[in-house]
Amino acid sequence: MAVHTIYADRGDRGIEMPGGLWFTIVGGKISDIDECVQDIDETDAFWGAAG
């Protein structure tokens, strides 16, 4: 897992929160990456919910 802080500006809004990327490695190669955020509701409100 790679841990980082997310910083972004969008219009007149900004977001800053801890996050992480979980890598799945198969046969020595990355096969999947899952993003984890501290507050999914805040993230959805900032970026817009999928769907």
PDB file of N, CA and C in Angstrom:
ATOM      1  N   MET A   1       0.843  -1.173   0.000  1.00  0.00           N
ATOM      2  CA  MET A   1       0.000   0.000   0.000  1.00  0.00           C
ATOM      3  C   MET A   1       0.885   1.231   0.000  1.00  0.00           C
ATOM      4  N   ALA A   2       0.547   2.165  -0.872  1.00  0.00           N
ATOM      5  CA  ALA A   2       1.227   3.458  -0.912  1.00  0.00           C
ATOM      6  C   ALA A   2       0.304   4.479  -0.255  1.00  0.00           C
ATOM      7  N   VAL A   3       0.789   5.166   0.783  1.00  0.00           N
ATOM      8  CA  VAL A   3      -0.006   6.145   1.519  1.00  0.00           C
ATOM      9  C   VAL A   3       0.432   7.539   1.102  1.00  0.00           C
ATOM     10  N   HIS A   4      -0.546   8.434   0.928  1.00  0.00           N
ATOM     11  CA  HIS A   4      -0.246   9.791   0.474  1.00  0.00           C
ATOM     12  C   HIS A   4      -1.333  10.743   0.964  1.00  0.00           C
ATOM     13  N   THR A   5      -1.136  12.042   0.724  1.00  0.00           N
ATOM     14  CA  THR A   5      -2.152  13.047   1.000  1.00  0.00           C
ATOM     15  C   THR A   5      -2.660  13.577  -0.328  1.00  0.00           C
ATOM     16  N   ILE A   6      -3.982  13.614  -0.461  1.00  0.00           N
ATOM     17  CA  ILE A   6      -4.627  14.101  -1.675  1.00  0.00           C
ATOM     18  C   ILE A   6      -4.847  15.602  -1.526  1.00  0.00           C
ATOM     19  N   TYR A   7      -4.385  16.382  -2.504  1.00  0.00           N
ATOM     20  CA  TYR A   7      -4.642  17.814  -2.574  1.00  0.00           C
ATOM     21  C   TYR A   7      -5.262  18.096  -3.934  1.00  0.00           C
ATOM     22  N   ALA A   8      -6.381  18.813  -3.966  1.00  0.00           N
ATOM     23  CA  ALA A   8      -6.984  19.156  -5.253  1.00  0.00           C
ATOM     24  C   ALA A   8      -7.823  20.417  -5.111  1.00  0.00           C
ATOM     25  N   ASP A   9      -7.886  21.181  -6.187  1.00  0.00           N
ATOM     26  CA  ASP A   9      -8.751  22.346  -6.283  1.00  0.00           C
ATOM     27  C   ASP A   9      -9.661  22.142  -7.474  1.00  0.00           C
ATOM     28  N   ARG A  10     -10.919  22.526  -7.308  1.00  0.00           N
ATOM     29  CA  ARG A  10     -11.894  22.397  -8.382  1.00  0.00           C
ATOM     30  C   ARG A  10     -12.850  23.575  -8.270  1.00  0.00           C
ATOM     31  N   GLY A  11     -12.742  24.495  -9.208  1.00  0.00           N
ATOM     32  CA  GLY A  11     -13.554  25.709  -9.114  1.00  0.00           C
ATOM     33  C   GLY A  11     -13.175  26.482  -7.864  1.00  0.00           C
ATOM     34  N   ASP A  12     -14.156  26.781  -7.019  1.00  0.00           N
ATOM     35  CA  ASP A  12     -13.889  27.527  -5.782  1.00  0.00           C
ATOM     36  C   ASP A  12     -13.775  26.599  -4.570  1.00  0.00           C
ATOM     37  N   ARG A  13     -13.626  25.301  -4.800  1.00  0.00           N
ATOM     38  CA  ARG A  13     -13.536  24.313  -3.717  1.00  0.00           C
ATOM     39  C   ARG A  13     -12.175  23.645  -3.700  1.00  0.00           C
ATOM     40  N   GLY A  14     -11.800  23.145  -2.545  1.00  0.00           N
ATOM     41  CA  GLY A  14     -10.560  22.395  -2.416  1.00  0.00           C
ATOM     42  C   GLY A  14     -10.775  21.185  -1.519  1.00  0.00           C
ATOM     43  N   ILE A  15      -9.867  20.238  -1.615  1.00  0.00           N
ATOM     44  CA  ILE A  15      -9.933  19.040  -0.775  1.00  0.00           C
ATOM     45  C   ILE A  15      -8.512  18.645  -0.382  1.00  0.00           C
ATOM     46  N   GLU A  16      -8.375  18.190   0.849  1.00  0.00           N
ATOM     47  CA  GLU A  16      -7.095  17.679   1.346  1.00  0.00           C
ATOM     48  C   GLU A  16      -7.417  16.576   2.350  1.00  0.00           C
ATOM     49  N   MET A  17      -6.934  15.371   2.080  1.00  0.00           N
ATOM     50  CA  MET A  17      -7.173  14.256   3.006  1.00  0.00           C
ATOM     51  C   MET A  17      -6.184  13.128   2.741  1.00  0.00           C
ATOM     52  N   PRO A  18      -5.959  12.283   3.755  1.00  0.00           N
ATOM     53  CA  PRO A  18      -5.108  11.114   3.556  1.00  0.00           C
ATOM     54  C   PRO A  18      -5.770  10.112   2.609  1.00  0.00           C
ATOM     55  N   GLY A  19      -4.955   9.416   1.864  1.00  0.00           N
ATOM     56  CA  GLY A  19      -5.450   8.385   0.959  1.00  0.00           C
ATOM     57  C   GLY A  19      -4.415   7.296   0.792  1.00  0.00           C
ATOM     58  N   GLY A  20      -4.797   6.278   0.071  1.00  0.00           N
ATOM     59  CA  GLY A  20      -3.866   5.186  -0.163  1.00  0.00           C
ATOM     60  C   GLY A  20      -4.188   4.456  -1.455  1.00  0.00           C
ATOM     61  N   LEU A  21      -3.189   3.838  -2.010  1.00  0.00           N
ATOM     62  CA  LEU A  21      -3.342   3.001  -3.198  1.00  0.00           C
ATOM     63  C   LEU A  21      -2.891   1.592  -2.839  1.00  0.00           C
ATOM     64  N   TRP A  22      -3.776   0.635  -3.043  1.00  0.00           N
ATOM     65  CA  TRP A  22      -3.501  -0.775  -2.748  1.00  0.00           C
ATOM     66  C   TRP A  22      -3.215  -1.472  -4.069  1.00  0.00           C
ATOM     67  N   PHE A  23      -2.028  -1.997  -4.220  1.00  0.00           N
ATOM     68  CA  PHE A  23      -1.602  -2.645  -5.450  1.00  0.00           C
ATOM     69  C   PHE A  23      -1.725  -4.169  -5.317  1.00  0.00           C
ATOM     70  N   THR A  24      -2.322  -4.806  -6.304  1.00  0.00           N
ATOM     71  CA  THR A  24      -2.338  -6.265  -6.384  1.00  0.00           C
ATOM     72  C   THR A  24      -1.298  -6.660  -7.427  1.00  0.00           C
ATOM     73  N   ILE A  25      -0.377  -7.522  -7.037  1.00  0.00           N
ATOM     74  CA  ILE A  25       0.709  -7.932  -7.928  1.00  0.00           C
ATOM     75  C   ILE A  25       0.563  -9.418  -8.219  1.00  0.00           C
ATOM     76  N   VAL A  26       0.515  -9.756  -9.504  1.00  0.00           N
ATOM     77  CA  VAL A  26       0.394 -11.144  -9.952  1.00  0.00           C
ATOM     78  C   VAL A  26       1.503 -11.405 -10.964  1.00  0.00           C
ATOM     79  N   GLY A  27       2.293 -12.410 -10.726  1.00  0.00           N
ATOM     80  CA  GLY A  27       3.377 -12.735 -11.647  1.00  0.00           C
ATOM     81  C   GLY A  27       4.393 -11.612 -11.800  1.00  0.00           C
ATOM     82  N   GLY A  28       4.593 -10.843 -10.714  1.00  0.00           N
ATOM     83  CA  GLY A  28       5.580  -9.765 -10.744  1.00  0.00           C
ATOM     84  C   GLY A  28       5.102  -8.506 -11.443  1.00  0.00           C
ATOM     85  N   LYS A  29       3.795  -8.452 -11.798  1.00  0.00           N
ATOM     86  CA  LYS A  29       3.243  -7.280 -12.482  1.00  0.00           C
ATOM     87  C   LYS A  29       2.013  -6.783 -11.732  1.00  0.00           C
ATOM     88  N   ILE A  30       1.803  -5.475 -11.758  1.00  0.00           N
ATOM     89  CA  ILE A  30       0.606  -4.899 -11.141  1.00  0.00           C
ATOM     90  C   ILE A  30      -0.602  -5.299 -11.977  1.00  0.00           C
ATOM     91  N   SER A  31      -1.581  -5.935 -11.338  1.00  0.00           N
ATOM     92  CA  SER A  31      -2.779  -6.357 -12.056  1.00  0.00           C
ATOM     93  C   SER A  31      -4.005  -5.532 -11.667  1.00  0.00           C
ATOM     94  N   ASP A  32      -3.927  -4.820 -10.531  1.00  0.00           N
ATOM     95  CA  ASP A  32      -5.068  -4.036 -10.074  1.00  0.00           C
ATOM     96  C   ASP A  32      -4.577  -2.978  -9.091  1.00  0.00           C
ATOM     97  N   ILE A  33      -5.244  -1.819  -9.096  1.00  0.00           N
ATOM     98  CA  ILE A  33      -4.966  -0.759  -8.128  1.00  0.00           C
ATOM     99  C   ILE A  33      -6.301  -0.301  -7.561  1.00  0.00           C
ATOM    100  N   ASP A  34      -6.433  -0.319  -6.242  1.00  0.00           N
ATOM    101  CA  ASP A  34      -7.634   0.173  -5.564  1.00  0.00           C
ATOM    102  C   ASP A  34      -7.266   1.416  -4.772  1.00  0.00           C
ATOM    103  N   GLU A  35      -8.077   2.473  -4.917  1.00  0.00           N
ATOM    104  CA  GLU A  35      -7.843   3.712  -4.185  1.00  0.00           C
ATOM    105  C   GLU A  35      -8.689   3.737  -2.930  1.00  0.00           C
ATOM    106  N   CYS A  36      -8.081   4.117  -1.817  1.00  0.00           N
ATOM    107  CA  CYS A  36      -8.774   4.257  -0.546  1.00  0.00           C
ATOM    108  C   CYS A  36      -8.692   5.716  -0.117  1.00  0.00           C
ATOM    109  N   VAL A  37      -9.809   6.269   0.368  1.00  0.00           N
ATOM    110  CA  VAL A  37      -9.823   7.644   0.859  1.00  0.00           C
ATOM    111  C   VAL A  37     -10.357   7.657   2.282  1.00  0.00           C
ATOM    112  N   GLN A  38     -10.006   8.687   3.027  1.00  0.00           N
ATOM    113  CA  GLN A  38     -10.418   8.776   4.421  1.00  0.00           C
ATOM    114  C   GLN A  38     -11.928   8.986   4.556  1.00  0.00           C
ATOM    115  N   ASP A  39     -12.514   9.814   3.694  1.00  0.00           N
ATOM    116  CA  ASP A  39     -13.935  10.141   3.804  1.00  0.00           C
ATOM    117  C   ASP A  39     -14.578  10.047   2.418  1.00  0.00           C
ATOM    118  N   ILE A  40     -15.234   8.928   2.145  1.00  0.00           N
ATOM    119  CA  ILE A  40     -15.805   8.689   0.808  1.00  0.00           C
ATOM    120  C   ILE A  40     -16.915   9.684   0.495  1.00  0.00           C
ATOM    121  N   ASP A  41     -17.703  10.094   1.494  1.00  0.00           N
ATOM    122  CA  ASP A  41     -18.781  11.050   1.252  1.00  0.00           C
ATOM    123  C   ASP A  41     -18.235  12.421   0.850  1.00  0.00           C
ATOM    124  N   GLU A  42     -17.183  12.868   1.531  1.00  0.00           N
ATOM    125  CA  GLU A  42     -16.550  14.143   1.177  1.00  0.00           C
ATOM    126  C   GLU A  42     -15.918  14.064  -0.213  1.00  0.00           C
ATOM    127  N   THR A  43     -15.289  12.934  -0.515  1.00  0.00           N
ATOM    128  CA  THR A  43     -14.683  12.735  -1.834  1.00  0.00           C
ATOM    129  C   THR A  43     -15.733  12.756  -2.926  1.00  0.00           C
ATOM    130  N   ASP A  44     -16.858  12.051  -2.722  1.00  0.00           N
ATOM    131  CA  ASP A  44     -17.946  12.040  -3.708  1.00  0.00           C
ATOM    132  C   ASP A  44     -18.534  13.438  -3.891  1.00  0.00           C
ATOM    133  N   ALA A  45     -18.687  14.183  -2.795  1.00  0.00           N
ATOM    134  CA  ALA A  45     -19.243  15.530  -2.892  1.00  0.00           C
ATOM    135  C   ALA A  45     -18.304  16.449  -3.680  1.00  0.00           C
ATOM    136  N   PHE A  46     -17.002  16.244  -3.532  1.00  0.00           N
ATOM    137  CA  PHE A  46     -16.021  17.087  -4.241  1.00  0.00           C
ATOM    138  C   PHE A  46     -15.948  16.720  -5.728  1.00  0.00           C
ATOM    139  N   TRP A  47     -15.780  15.443  -6.035  1.00  0.00           N
ATOM    140  CA  TRP A  47     -15.591  14.998  -7.417  1.00  0.00           C
ATOM    141  C   TRP A  47     -16.907  14.708  -8.140  1.00  0.00           C
ATOM    142  N   GLY A  48     -17.959  14.465  -7.374  1.00  0.00           N
ATOM    143  CA  GLY A  48     -19.234  14.041  -7.964  1.00  0.00           C
ATOM    144  C   GLY A  48     -19.300  12.530  -7.915  1.00  0.00           C
ATOM    145  N   ALA A  49     -20.391  11.998  -7.389  1.00  0.00           N
ATOM    146  CA  ALA A  49     -20.535  10.551  -7.237  1.00  0.00           C
ATOM    147  C   ALA A  49     -20.627   9.873  -8.598  1.00  0.00           C
ATOM    148  N   ALA A  50     -20.064   8.693  -8.701  1.00  0.00           N
ATOM    149  CA  ALA A  50     -20.115   7.914  -9.941  1.00  0.00           C
ATOM    150  C   ALA A  50     -21.544   7.427 -10.188  1.00  0.00           C
ATOM    151  N   GLY A  51     -21.885   7.318 -11.471  1.00  0.00           N
ATOM    152  CA  GLY A  51     -23.171   6.758 -11.814  1.00  0.00           C
ATOM    153  C   GLY A  51     -24.151   7.804 -12.059  1.00  0.00           C
TER     154      GLY A  51
END
